C-alpha atoms as a PDB file:
ATOM      1  CA  MET A   1     -24.212 -33.595  66.831  1.00  0.00           C
ATOM      2  CA  ARG A   2     -27.247 -32.082  65.213  1.00  0.00           C
ATOM      3  CA  ASP A   3     -25.670 -28.638  65.621  1.00  0.00           C
ATOM      4  CA  MET A   4     -22.504 -29.854  63.872  1.00  0.00           C
ATOM      5  CA  THR A   5     -24.570 -31.320  61.045  1.00  0.00           C
ATOM      6  CA  ARG A   6     -26.522 -28.080  60.696  1.00  0.00           C
ATOM      7  CA  VAL A   7     -23.268 -26.078  60.556  1.00  0.00           C
ATOM      8  CA  SER A   8     -21.859 -28.436  57.918  1.00  0.00           C
ATOM      9  CA  ILE A   9     -24.995 -28.106  55.796  1.00  0.00           C
ATOM     10  CA  LEU A  10     -24.917 -24.313  56.064  1.00  0.00           C
ATOM     11  CA  PHE A  11     -21.219 -24.280  55.161  1.00  0.00           C
ATOM     12  CA  LEU A  12     -21.730 -26.501  52.121  1.00  0.00           C
ATOM     13  CA  SER A  13     -24.742 -24.450  51.050  1.00  0.00           C
ATOM     14  CA  SER A  14     -22.651 -21.282  51.218  1.00  0.00           C
ATOM     15  CA  ILE A  15     -19.894 -22.866  49.124  1.00  0.00           C
ATOM     16  CA  CYS A  16     -22.417 -24.021  46.512  1.00  0.00           C
ATOM     17  CA  PHE A  17     -23.948 -20.539  46.380  1.00  0.00           C
ATOM     18  CA  ILE A  18     -20.550 -18.938  45.798  1.00  0.00           C
ATOM     19  CA  ILE A  19     -19.694 -21.448  43.065  1.00  0.00           C
ATOM     20  CA  ILE A  20     -23.021 -20.901  41.309  1.00  0.00           C
ATOM     21  CA  LEU A  21     -22.592 -17.118  41.569  1.00  0.00           C
ATOM     22  CA  ASN A  22     -19.112 -17.302  40.050  1.00  0.00           C
ATOM     23  CA  LEU A  23     -20.250 -19.572  37.245  1.00  0.00           C
ATOM     24  CA  THR A  24     -23.068 -17.188  36.438  1.00  0.00           C
ATOM     25  CA  THR A  25     -20.694 -14.234  36.427  1.00  0.00           C
ATOM     26  CA  PHE A  26     -18.104 -15.904  34.184  1.00  0.00           C
ATOM     27  CA  SER A  27     -20.703 -17.269  31.788  1.00  0.00           C
ATOM     28  CA  GLY A  28     -21.963 -13.707  31.476  1.00  0.00           C
ATOM     29  CA  CYS A  29     -18.513 -12.683  30.124  1.00  0.00           C
ATOM     30  CA  ASP A  30     -19.072 -14.844  27.057  1.00  0.00           C
ATOM     31  CA  THR A  31     -22.191 -12.887  26.176  1.00  0.00           C
ATOM     32  CA  VAL A  32     -20.382  -9.525  26.034  1.00  0.00           C
ATOM     33  CA  LYS A  33     -20.698  -8.232  22.493  1.00  0.00           C
ATOM     34  CA  GLU A  34     -17.531  -7.974  20.389  1.00  0.00           C
ATOM     35  CA  LYS A  35     -16.236  -4.419  19.959  1.00  0.00           C
ATOM     36  CA  HIS A  36     -17.364  -2.614  16.830  1.00  0.00           C
ATOM     37  CA  TYR A  37     -14.450  -0.895  15.067  1.00  0.00           C
ATOM     38  CA  THR A  38     -14.439   2.161  12.830  1.00  0.00           C
ATOM     39  CA  VAL A  39     -11.580   2.424  10.328  1.00  0.00           C
ATOM     40  CA  GLY A  40     -10.937   5.373   8.033  1.00  0.00           C
ATOM     41  CA  ILE A  41      -9.298   4.883   4.616  1.00  0.00           C
ATOM     42  CA  ILE A  42      -7.618   7.721   2.714  1.00  0.00           C
ATOM     43  CA  ASN A  43      -6.820   6.903  -0.904  1.00  0.00           C
ATOM     44  CA  PRO A  44      -5.876   9.786  -3.221  1.00  0.00           C
ATOM     45  CA  SER A  45      -5.872   7.835  -6.498  1.00  0.00           C
ATOM     46  CA  THR A  46      -8.251   5.754  -8.612  1.00  0.00           C
ATOM     47  CA  GLY A  47      -5.174   3.754  -9.599  1.00  0.00           C
ATOM     48  CA  LEU A  48      -4.900   2.340  -6.069  1.00  0.00           C
ATOM     49  CA  GLU A  49      -8.399   0.917  -5.675  1.00  0.00           C
ATOM     50  CA  GLU A  50      -6.959  -2.607  -5.952  1.00  0.00           C
ATOM     51  CA  VAL A  51      -4.924  -1.948  -2.795  1.00  0.00           C
ATOM     52  CA  VAL A  52      -8.066  -0.930  -0.917  1.00  0.00           C
ATOM     53  CA  ARG A  53      -9.838  -4.037  -2.186  1.00  0.00           C
ATOM     54  CA  GLY A  54      -6.955  -6.191  -0.901  1.00  0.00           C
ATOM     55  CA  PHE A  55      -7.041  -4.445   2.475  1.00  0.00           C
ATOM     56  CA  ARG A  56     -10.752  -5.041   2.958  1.00  0.00           C
ATOM     57  CA  SER A  57     -10.417  -8.644   1.813  1.00  0.00           C
ATOM     58  CA  GLY A  58      -7.612  -9.178   4.322  1.00  0.00           C
ATOM     59  CA  MET A  59      -9.639  -7.609   7.113  1.00  0.00           C
ATOM     60  CA  GLU A  60     -12.490  -9.975   6.277  1.00  0.00           C
ATOM     61  CA  GLU A  61     -10.098 -12.918   6.626  1.00  0.00           C
ATOM     62  CA  HIS A  62      -9.044 -11.596  10.036  1.00  0.00           C
ATOM     63  CA  GLY A  63     -12.660 -11.642  11.197  1.00  0.00           C
ATOM     64  CA  TYR A  64     -13.791  -8.070  10.520  1.00  0.00           C
ATOM     65  CA  HIS A  65     -17.147  -8.147   8.734  1.00  0.00           C
ATOM     66  CA  GLU A  66     -18.541  -4.876   7.439  1.00  0.00           C
ATOM     67  CA  GLY A  67     -21.919  -4.096   8.941  1.00  0.00           C
ATOM     68  CA  LYS A  68     -21.301  -6.527  11.782  1.00  0.00           C
ATOM     69  CA  ASN A  69     -18.175  -5.546  13.699  1.00  0.00           C
ATOM     70  CA  ILE A  70     -16.482  -2.942  11.501  1.00  0.00           C
ATOM     71  CA  THR A  71     -17.453   0.252   9.683  1.00  0.00           C
ATOM     72  CA  TYR A  72     -15.241   1.797   7.000  1.00  0.00           C
ATOM     73  CA  LEU A  73     -15.217   5.545   6.533  1.00  0.00           C
ATOM     74  CA  TYR A  74     -14.279   5.564   2.860  1.00  0.00           C
ATOM     75  CA  ALA A  75     -15.818   7.757   0.194  1.00  0.00           C
ATOM     76  CA  GLY A  76     -13.632   6.453  -2.634  1.00  0.00           C
ATOM     77  CA  PRO A  77     -10.515   7.978  -4.229  1.00  0.00           C
ATOM     78  CA  LEU A  78     -10.056  11.648  -3.376  1.00  0.00           C
ATOM     79  CA  ASP A  79      -8.231  12.385  -6.662  1.00  0.00           C
ATOM     80  CA  SER A  80      -6.667  15.451  -5.035  1.00  0.00           C
ATOM     81  CA  THR A  81      -4.302  15.923  -2.099  1.00  0.00           C
ATOM     82  CA  ASP A  82      -6.225  19.123  -1.275  1.00  0.00           C
ATOM     83  CA  ARG A  83      -9.028  16.917   0.058  1.00  0.00           C
ATOM     84  CA  VAL A  84      -6.783  14.901   2.376  1.00  0.00           C
ATOM     85  CA  ASP A  85      -6.723  17.221   5.410  1.00  0.00           C
ATOM     86  CA  PRO A  86     -10.532  17.632   5.531  1.00  0.00           C
ATOM     87  CA  ALA A  87     -10.909  13.847   5.225  1.00  0.00           C
ATOM     88  CA  ILE A  88      -8.538  13.265   8.157  1.00  0.00           C
ATOM     89  CA  ASP A  89     -10.337  15.889  10.263  1.00  0.00           C
ATOM     90  CA  GLU A  90     -13.676  14.215   9.575  1.00  0.00           C
ATOM     91  CA  MET A  91     -12.324  10.818  10.601  1.00  0.00           C
ATOM     92  CA  LEU A  92     -10.862  12.144  13.830  1.00  0.00           C
ATOM     93  CA  ALA A  93     -14.164  13.873  14.596  1.00  0.00           C
ATOM     94  CA  ASN A  94     -15.887  10.509  14.149  1.00  0.00           C
ATOM     95  CA  LYS A  95     -13.489   8.975  16.701  1.00  0.00           C
ATOM     96  CA  VAL A  96     -12.146   6.266  14.412  1.00  0.00           C
ATOM     97  CA  ASP A  97     -10.156   3.401  15.890  1.00  0.00           C
ATOM     98  CA  LEU A  98      -7.543   3.502  13.108  1.00  0.00           C
ATOM     99  CA  ILE A  99      -6.746   5.397   9.900  1.00  0.00           C
ATOM    100  CA  TYR A 100      -5.233   3.710   6.837  1.00  0.00           C
ATOM    101  CA  SER A 101      -3.353   5.995   4.437  1.00  0.00           C
ATOM    102  CA  LEU A 102      -2.187   5.208   0.907  1.00  0.00           C
ATOM    103  CA  THR A 103       0.848   6.919  -0.688  1.00  0.00           C
ATOM    104  CA  THR A 104       3.674   8.989   0.738  1.00  0.00           C
ATOM    105  CA  PRO A 105       2.085  12.483   0.475  1.00  0.00           C
ATOM    106  CA  VAL A 106      -1.095  11.345   2.237  1.00  0.00           C
ATOM    107  CA  THR A 107       0.832   9.554   4.980  1.00  0.00           C
ATOM    108  CA  LYS A 108       2.981  12.620   5.660  1.00  0.00           C
ATOM    109  CA  LYS A 109      -0.206  14.615   6.187  1.00  0.00           C
ATOM    110  CA  LEU A 110      -1.600  11.876   8.421  1.00  0.00           C
ATOM    111  CA  LYS A 111       1.536  11.847  10.567  1.00  0.00           C
ATOM    112  CA  GLU A 112       1.201  15.577  11.150  1.00  0.00           C
ATOM    113  CA  ALA A 113      -2.496  15.240  12.021  1.00  0.00           C
ATOM    114  CA  LEU A 114      -1.878  12.412  14.506  1.00  0.00           C
ATOM    115  CA  THR A 115       0.863  14.226  16.419  1.00  0.00           C
ATOM    116  CA  GLY A 116      -0.191  14.438  20.061  1.00  0.00           C
ATOM    117  CA  LYS A 117      -3.181  12.143  19.521  1.00  0.00           C
ATOM    118  CA  GLU A 118      -3.784   8.546  20.541  1.00  0.00           C
ATOM    119  CA  VAL A 119      -5.318   7.430  17.234  1.00  0.00           C
ATOM    120  CA  PRO A 120      -3.110   4.839  15.471  1.00  0.00           C
ATOM    121  CA  GLY A 121      -2.436   4.782  11.755  1.00  0.00           C
ATOM    122  CA  VAL A 122      -1.170   2.264   9.226  1.00  0.00           C
ATOM    123  CA  PHE A 123       0.205   2.995   5.748  1.00  0.00           C
ATOM    124  CA  GLY A 124       0.971   1.325   2.448  1.00  0.00           C
ATOM    125  CA  PRO A 125       2.112   1.805  -0.178  1.00  0.00           C
ATOM    126  CA  VAL A 126       4.747   4.259   0.983  1.00  0.00           C
ATOM    127  CA  PHE A 127       7.963   4.199  -1.029  1.00  0.00           C
ATOM    128  CA  ASP A 128      10.494   4.850   1.739  1.00  0.00           C
ATOM    129  CA  PRO A 129       9.014   5.973   5.078  1.00  0.00           C
ATOM    130  CA  VAL A 130      12.443   6.681   6.591  1.00  0.00           C
ATOM    131  CA  PHE A 131      13.558   8.815   3.621  1.00  0.00           C
ATOM    132  CA  SER A 132      10.253  10.722   3.826  1.00  0.00           C
ATOM    133  CA  GLY A 133      10.520  11.303   7.578  1.00  0.00           C
ATOM    134  CA  ILE A 134       7.373   9.316   8.365  1.00  0.00           C
ATOM    135  CA  VAL A 135       9.081   6.894  10.768  1.00  0.00           C
ATOM    136  CA  GLU A 136      12.296   6.989  12.771  1.00  0.00           C
ATOM    137  CA  SER A 137      13.545   3.660  11.421  1.00  0.00           C
ATOM    138  CA  MET A 138      12.211   0.509   9.791  1.00  0.00           C
ATOM    139  CA  THR A 139      12.644  -1.573  12.940  1.00  0.00           C
ATOM    140  CA  ARG A 140      11.565   1.099  15.430  1.00  0.00           C
ATOM    141  CA  PRO A 141       9.024   3.337  13.707  1.00  0.00           C
ATOM    142  CA  GLY A 142       8.085   5.329  16.815  1.00  0.00           C
ATOM    143  CA  GLY A 143       4.986   7.509  16.987  1.00  0.00           C
ATOM    144  CA  MET A 144       1.540   6.316  15.929  1.00  0.00           C
ATOM    145  CA  LEU A 145       2.329   4.960  12.455  1.00  0.00           C
ATOM    146  CA  THR A 146       3.675   1.779  10.896  1.00  0.00           C
ATOM    147  CA  GLY A 147       3.047   0.078   7.579  1.00  0.00           C
ATOM    148  CA  VAL A 148       4.508  -1.311   4.368  1.00  0.00           C
ATOM    149  CA  SER A 149       7.368   0.135   2.306  1.00  0.00           C
ATOM    150  CA  VAL A 150       7.716  -0.598  -1.418  1.00  0.00           C
ATOM    151  CA  ARG A 151      11.254   0.646  -2.068  1.00  0.00           C
ATOM    152  CA  GLY A 152      13.753  -1.839  -3.471  1.00  0.00           C
ATOM    153  CA  SER A 153      12.320  -3.094  -6.766  1.00  0.00           C
ATOM    154  CA  THR A 154      13.627  -0.412  -9.158  1.00  0.00           C
ATOM    155  CA  PRO A 155      17.105  -1.856  -9.956  1.00  0.00           C
ATOM    156  CA  LYS A 156      15.657  -5.291 -10.741  1.00  0.00           C
ATOM    157  CA  ALA A 157      12.833  -3.742 -12.767  1.00  0.00           C
ATOM    158  CA  LEU A 158      15.373  -1.960 -14.984  1.00  0.00           C
ATOM    159  CA  GLU A 159      17.353  -5.194 -15.352  1.00  0.00           C
ATOM    160  CA  TYR A 160      14.229  -6.993 -16.555  1.00  0.00           C
ATOM    161  CA  LEU A 161      13.518  -4.216 -19.066  1.00  0.00           C
ATOM    162  CA  HIS A 162      17.083  -4.517 -20.356  1.00  0.00           C
ATOM    163  CA  LYS A 163      16.681  -8.292 -20.771  1.00  0.00           C
ATOM    164  CA  VAL A 164      13.330  -7.959 -22.532  1.00  0.00           C
ATOM    165  CA  ALA A 165      14.549  -5.126 -24.776  1.00  0.00           C
ATOM    166  CA  PRO A 166      18.386  -5.266 -24.936  1.00  0.00           C
ATOM    167  CA  GLY A 167      18.466  -2.304 -27.302  1.00  0.00           C
ATOM    168  CA  VAL A 168      17.260   0.109 -24.622  1.00  0.00           C
ATOM    169  CA  LYS A 169      19.947   2.745 -24.044  1.00  0.00           C
ATOM    170  CA  HIS A 170      17.859   5.821 -23.223  1.00  0.00           C
ATOM    171  CA  VAL A 171      14.892   5.912 -20.822  1.00  0.00           C
ATOM    172  CA  TYR A 172      12.525   8.885 -20.560  1.00  0.00           C
ATOM    173  CA  VAL A 173      11.110   9.519 -17.069  1.00  0.00           C
ATOM    174  CA  PRO A 174       8.382  12.090 -16.351  1.00  0.00           C
ATOM    175  CA  PHE A 175       8.182  12.392 -12.564  1.00  0.00           C
ATOM    176  CA  HIS A 176       6.398  14.411  -9.900  1.00  0.00           C
ATOM    177  CA  PHE A 177       9.451  16.110  -8.398  1.00  0.00           C
ATOM    178  CA  THR A 178       7.732  17.190  -5.160  1.00  0.00           C
ATOM    179  CA  ASP A 179       6.623  13.608  -4.429  1.00  0.00           C
ATOM    180  CA  ASP A 180       9.214  11.892  -2.209  1.00  0.00           C
ATOM    181  CA  ALA A 181       8.357   8.490  -3.678  1.00  0.00           C
ATOM    182  CA  ALA A 182       8.892   9.649  -7.256  1.00  0.00           C
ATOM    183  CA  PHE A 183      12.099  11.472  -6.308  1.00  0.00           C
ATOM    184  CA  ALA A 184      13.530   8.388  -4.579  1.00  0.00           C
ATOM    185  CA  THR A 185      12.485   6.176  -7.516  1.00  0.00           C
ATOM    186  CA  VAL A 186      14.485   8.356  -9.899  1.00  0.00           C
ATOM    187  CA  GLU A 187      17.446   8.252  -7.506  1.00  0.00           C
ATOM    188  CA  ASP A 188      17.380   4.436  -7.538  1.00  0.00           C
ATOM    189  CA  LEU A 189      16.830   4.385 -11.297  1.00  0.00           C
ATOM    190  CA  ARG A 190      19.871   6.563 -12.011  1.00  0.00           C
ATOM    191  CA  LYS A 191      22.136   4.330  -9.900  1.00  0.00           C
ATOM    192  CA  ALA A 192      20.880   1.178 -11.607  1.00  0.00           C
ATOM    193  CA  ALA A 193      21.099   2.761 -15.072  1.00  0.00           C
ATOM    194  CA  ALA A 194      24.750   3.740 -14.560  1.00  0.00           C
ATOM    195  CA  LYS A 195      25.643   0.059 -14.089  1.00  0.00           C
ATOM    196  CA  LEU A 196      23.877  -0.856 -17.343  1.00  0.00           C
ATOM    197  CA  ASP A 197      25.209   2.138 -19.312  1.00  0.00           C
ATOM    198  CA  ILE A 198      21.680   3.456 -19.833  1.00  0.00           C
ATOM    199  CA  GLN A 199      20.940   7.176 -20.129  1.00  0.00           C
ATOM    200  CA  ILE A 200      18.122   8.615 -18.005  1.00  0.00           C
ATOM    201  CA  THR A 201      16.279  11.770 -19.058  1.00  0.00           C
ATOM    202  CA  THR A 202      13.802  13.191 -16.554  1.00  0.00           C
ATOM    203  CA  GLU A 203      10.986  15.684 -16.999  1.00  0.00           C
ATOM    204  CA  ASN A 204       9.658  17.458 -13.914  1.00  0.00           C
ATOM    205  CA  ILE A 205       5.871  17.570 -13.618  1.00  0.00           C
ATOM    206  CA  SER A 206       3.490  18.648 -10.856  1.00  0.00           C
ATOM    207  CA  ASN A 207       0.008  18.069 -12.290  1.00  0.00           C
ATOM    208  CA  ALA A 208      -1.938  16.166 -14.943  1.00  0.00           C
ATOM    209  CA  GLN A 209      -1.591  18.932 -17.547  1.00  0.00           C
ATOM    210  CA  GLU A 210       2.190  19.005 -17.194  1.00  0.00           C
ATOM    211  CA  LEU A 211       2.223  15.211 -17.498  1.00  0.00           C
ATOM    212  CA  GLU A 212       0.272  15.441 -20.760  1.00  0.00           C
ATOM    213  CA  ASN A 213       2.752  18.006 -22.078  1.00  0.00           C
ATOM    214  CA  ALA A 214       5.688  15.795 -21.078  1.00  0.00           C
ATOM    215  CA  LEU A 215       4.147  12.773 -22.797  1.00  0.00           C
ATOM    216  CA  ALA A 216       3.537  14.833 -25.926  1.00  0.00           C
ATOM    217  CA  HIS A 217       7.270  15.549 -26.139  1.00  0.00           C
ATOM    218  CA  VAL A 218       8.947  12.181 -25.669  1.00  0.00           C
ATOM    219  CA  PRO A 219      12.541  12.547 -26.967  1.00  0.00           C
ATOM    220  CA  ASP A 220      12.982  11.079 -30.449  1.00  0.00           C
ATOM    221  CA  ASP A 221      15.938   8.976 -29.327  1.00  0.00           C
ATOM    222  CA  ALA A 222      14.215   7.561 -26.198  1.00  0.00           C
ATOM    223  CA  ASP A 223      14.067   3.747 -26.195  1.00  0.00           C
ATOM    224  CA  ALA A 224      11.638   3.337 -23.269  1.00  0.00           C
ATOM    225  CA  LEU A 225       9.225   5.255 -21.053  1.00  0.00           C
ATOM    226  CA  TRP A 226       9.340   4.766 -17.269  1.00  0.00           C
ATOM    227  CA  MET A 227       6.416   5.120 -14.847  1.00  0.00           C
ATOM    228  CA  THR A 228       7.623   6.172 -11.402  1.00  0.00           C
ATOM    229  CA  CYS A 229       5.952   5.413  -8.073  1.00  0.00           C
ATOM    230  CA  SER A 230       3.548   8.357  -7.783  1.00  0.00           C
ATOM    231  CA  HIS A 231      -0.213   8.656  -7.334  1.00  0.00           C
ATOM    232  CA  LEU A 232      -0.273  11.273 -10.125  1.00  0.00           C
ATOM    233  CA  LEU A 233       1.074   8.710 -12.580  1.00  0.00           C
ATOM    234  CA  PHE A 234      -1.023   5.852 -11.166  1.00  0.00           C
ATOM    235  CA  SER A 235      -4.101   7.904 -12.086  1.00  0.00           C
ATOM    236  CA  ASN A 236      -2.887   8.398 -15.665  1.00  0.00           C
ATOM    237  CA  VAL A 237      -1.590   4.982 -16.717  1.00  0.00           C
ATOM    238  CA  ASP A 238      -3.600   4.977 -19.954  1.00  0.00           C
ATOM    239  CA  LYS A 239      -1.932   8.210 -21.067  1.00  0.00           C
ATOM    240  CA  ILE A 240       1.536   6.844 -20.282  1.00  0.00           C
ATOM    241  CA  VAL A 241       0.868   3.610 -22.166  1.00  0.00           C
ATOM    242  CA  GLY A 242      -0.629   5.550 -25.072  1.00  0.00           C
ATOM    243  CA  ALA A 243       2.415   7.811 -25.338  1.00  0.00           C
ATOM    244  CA  ALA A 244       4.759   4.811 -25.328  1.00  0.00           C
ATOM    245  CA  LEU A 245       2.791   3.056 -28.059  1.00  0.00           C
ATOM    246  CA  SER A 246       2.677   6.246 -30.143  1.00  0.00           C
ATOM    247  CA  SER A 247       6.456   6.508 -29.853  1.00  0.00           C
ATOM    248  CA  LYS A 248       6.784   2.763 -30.584  1.00  0.00           C
ATOM    249  CA  ILE A 249       8.770   2.162 -27.400  1.00  0.00           C
ATOM    250  CA  PRO A 250       8.098  -0.080 -24.367  1.00  0.00           C
ATOM    251  CA  SER A 251       6.951   1.263 -21.031  1.00  0.00           C
ATOM    252  CA  ALA A 252       8.251  -0.098 -17.734  1.00  0.00           C
ATOM    253  CA  SER A 253       7.755   0.410 -14.016  1.00  0.00           C
ATOM    254  CA  SER A 254       8.975  -0.687 -10.594  1.00  0.00           C
ATOM    255  CA  THR A 255       5.372  -1.132  -9.480  1.00  0.00           C
ATOM    256  CA  GLN A 256       2.832  -3.520 -10.959  1.00  0.00           C
ATOM    257  CA  SER A 257      -0.914  -4.049 -10.948  1.00  0.00           C
ATOM    258  CA  PRO A 258      -3.501  -5.731 -13.196  1.00  0.00           C
ATOM    259  CA  ASN A 259      -5.151  -2.302 -13.438  1.00  0.00           C
ATOM    260  CA  ARG A 260      -2.115  -0.930 -15.279  1.00  0.00           C
ATOM    261  CA  LYS A 261      -2.592  -2.633 -18.617  1.00  0.00           C
ATOM    262  CA  GLY A 262      -0.048  -1.944 -21.320  1.00  0.00           C
ATOM    263  CA  ILE A 263       3.089  -1.564 -19.172  1.00  0.00           C
ATOM    264  CA  VAL A 264       5.375  -4.056 -20.937  1.00  0.00           C
ATOM    265  CA  VAL A 265       7.666  -4.793 -17.977  1.00  0.00           C
ATOM    266  CA  ALA A 266       6.646  -4.220 -14.374  1.00  0.00           C
ATOM    267  CA  TYR A 267       8.460  -5.523 -11.329  1.00  0.00           C
ATOM    268  CA  GLY A 268       7.215  -4.506  -7.907  1.00  0.00           C
ATOM    269  CA  GLU A 269       4.533  -4.962  -5.311  1.00  0.00           C
ATOM    270  CA  SER A 270       1.170  -6.550  -6.051  1.00  0.00           C
ATOM    271  CA  ASP A 271      -1.500  -4.012  -5.134  1.00  0.00           C
ATOM    272  CA  PHE A 272      -3.960  -6.611  -3.847  1.00  0.00           C
ATOM    273  CA  GLN A 273      -1.356  -8.530  -1.823  1.00  0.00           C
ATOM    274  CA  LEU A 274       0.014  -5.258  -0.447  1.00  0.00           C
ATOM    275  CA  GLY A 275      -3.444  -4.355   0.826  1.00  0.00           C
ATOM    276  CA  LYS A 276      -3.714  -7.732   2.552  1.00  0.00           C
ATOM    277  CA  GLN A 277      -0.274  -7.239   4.104  1.00  0.00           C
ATOM    278  CA  VAL A 278      -1.382  -3.890   5.530  1.00  0.00           C
ATOM    279  CA  SER A 279      -4.563  -5.512   6.888  1.00  0.00           C
ATOM    280  CA  ARG A 280      -2.489  -7.867   9.028  1.00  0.00           C
ATOM    281  CA  LEU A 281      -0.743  -4.913  10.655  1.00  0.00           C
ATOM    282  CA  ALA A 282      -4.093  -3.169  11.131  1.00  0.00           C
ATOM    283  CA  HIS A 283      -5.506  -6.281  12.811  1.00  0.00           C
ATOM    284  CA  THR A 284      -2.534  -6.435  15.197  1.00  0.00           C
ATOM    285  CA  ILE A 285      -2.971  -2.764  16.099  1.00  0.00           C
ATOM    286  CA  LEU A 286      -6.721  -3.097  16.685  1.00  0.00           C
ATOM    287  CA  ARG A 287      -6.001  -5.992  19.035  1.00  0.00           C
ATOM    288  CA  GLY A 288      -3.887  -3.731  21.222  1.00  0.00           C
ATOM    289  CA  THR A 289      -0.310  -3.611  19.904  1.00  0.00           C
ATOM    290  CA  PRO A 290       0.897   0.000  19.429  1.00  0.00           C
ATOM    291  CA  PRO A 291       2.242   0.914  15.956  1.00  0.00           C
ATOM    292  CA  SER A 292       5.574   1.900  17.506  1.00  0.00           C
ATOM    293  CA  ALA A 293       6.121  -1.755  18.466  1.00  0.00           C
ATOM    294  CA  LEU A 294       5.537  -3.053  14.927  1.00  0.00           C
ATOM    295  CA  PRO A 295       8.498  -2.817  12.499  1.00  0.00           C
ATOM    296  CA  VAL A 296       7.770  -1.412   9.055  1.00  0.00           C
ATOM    297  CA  GLU A 297       7.552  -4.267   6.551  1.00  0.00           C
ATOM    298  CA  THR A 298       8.768  -4.403   2.945  1.00  0.00           C
ATOM    299  CA  ALA A 299       6.325  -5.570   0.310  1.00  0.00           C
ATOM    300  CA  ASP A 300       6.914  -8.725  -1.699  1.00  0.00           C
ATOM    301  CA  PHE A 301       7.818  -8.052  -5.337  1.00  0.00           C
ATOM    302  CA  PHE A 302       6.396  -9.743  -8.437  1.00  0.00           C
ATOM    303  CA  LEU A 303       7.234  -9.706 -12.146  1.00  0.00           C
ATOM    304  CA  ARG A 304       4.448  -8.869 -14.601  1.00  0.00           C
ATOM    305  CA  ILE A 305       4.909  -9.045 -18.368  1.00  0.00           C
ATOM    306  CA  ASP A 306       2.284  -7.630 -20.718  1.00  0.00           C
ATOM    307  CA  LEU A 307       2.866  -9.974 -23.641  1.00  0.00           C
ATOM    308  CA  LYS A 308       0.148  -8.381 -25.748  1.00  0.00           C
ATOM    309  CA  ALA A 309       1.740  -4.933 -25.423  1.00  0.00           C
ATOM    310  CA  ALA A 310       5.194  -6.375 -26.154  1.00  0.00           C
ATOM    311  CA  GLN A 311       3.977  -8.133 -29.296  1.00  0.00           C
ATOM    312  CA  ALA A 312       2.273  -4.946 -30.491  1.00  0.00           C
ATOM    313  CA  LEU A 313       5.714  -3.316 -30.403  1.00  0.00           C
ATOM    314  CA  GLY A 314       7.421  -6.249 -32.106  1.00  0.00           C
ATOM    315  CA  ILE A 315       9.263  -7.253 -28.933  1.00  0.00           C
ATOM    316  CA  ASN A 316       9.983 -10.959 -28.560  1.00  0.00           C
ATOM    317  CA  VAL A 317      10.077 -11.613 -24.819  1.00  0.00           C
ATOM    318  CA  PRO A 318      12.674 -14.331 -24.024  1.00  0.00           C
ATOM    319  CA  GLY A 319      11.258 -17.619 -22.776  1.00  0.00           C
ATOM    320  CA  ASN A 320      13.367 -17.589 -19.620  1.00  0.00           C
ATOM    321  CA  ILE A 321      11.847 -14.225 -18.649  1.00  0.00           C
ATOM    322  CA  LEU A 322       8.323 -15.519 -19.227  1.00  0.00           C
ATOM    323  CA  ARG A 323       9.105 -18.486 -16.996  1.00  0.00           C
ATOM    324  CA  GLN A 324      10.179 -16.108 -14.228  1.00  0.00           C
ATOM    325  CA  ALA A 325       7.058 -13.968 -14.546  1.00  0.00           C
ATOM    326  CA  ASN A 326       4.452 -14.191 -11.799  1.00  0.00           C
ATOM    327  CA  TYR A 327       1.812 -12.659 -14.059  1.00  0.00           C
ATOM    328  CA  ILE A 328       1.526 -12.616 -17.846  1.00  0.00           C
ATOM    329  CA  ASP A 329      -1.084 -10.478 -19.599  1.00  0.00           C
ATOM    330  CA  ARG A 330      -1.860 -12.060 -22.960  1.00  0.00           C
END
C-alpha cells in the first residue's frame, strides 16, 4: 500500500512539474519584445508633405510609435526624380521592412527595383496604377506592390468648375507629358470637356522652367487654368495660382489639399486622408499579408472651394455648391 502511495505521489509530482514548466514557458512568450520595423518613404515633392504627415499619423493610430517600434528612413522631399534610385538603393541596403512611394514616376522606379526581391511596397497617390503598368489589375495587383489610386475625380471636378463659373468655355492646361498621371488626367479632362462643350488647350512641359514659360503665355481667350495631377505642378502651386490671378481667370484641379491655396475649385483626394488610407494597407502588410493579396483601393474624393480666391476674381459661388463643399477656404 505504501508503495502504491509512493508511486501516486511521484506521479502527481511529475504532473505538477510539467504543468509548472509549461506555465513558465508560455508566460515567457508574453515577454518577447515586439518587432521593430523600418519603413522607407520616398516623396519627390514638397507639395505632398501633407500625405506623408497623414501616413505617419495613421501608422501611429495603428500602434507604430517612432523611436519605440518603428524607424522611418525619410530625408524629406527629394525634389528631383534623379534622386529616387539612390534613395531606393539605400533603403534596400538598410534592409527595410517596407517602402512607401508617392507619385506614379517614383512608384514605377520602385516596382523595377523590387523585381526579384522580397521587400514589399505600398504606394499612394498614384493616378492609375493599371494604366501605368504598376499592377496587373486593381483587384489582383500581383508582385510586391499595392496602394491607393486617385483616378476618377476629373470629370466631376470640371463639372464643379462649370457650375461655379458657367462662362468657362476654354481651359488652358500645362502638363508634364512624360508623367503618366498628367497624361491620363488630360485624357479624362478632354472626354469630360467634350460633354460640356468646353475647349481644352494643352501645353507640354517637362521641367520648372518650361512651366514658367507656359504660365507666362496663357492664351488671351482662356477662361480657366487647370492643374493636372503631377508632382512637378504640386511643387509649383503658387506659380499656377499667380498666373491665373494675373490673367483674371479661375484655377481648378482634380486634386485638392489645404497646402494648395488659391485654387478656386478643387475636387479630389484629401492628402492627409490619403496618407492615412495608405497607412492601413502598410499595417496589413507588416502584419504578414502580401501586397499581391490586397486589392488596390481608390481614394475618397472631397470638394474644396477657395472662397477668398473666387471673390478676388469677382466670382459669386452658388450657395448650393458651398453647401456641397467639404472644405471652404475663406
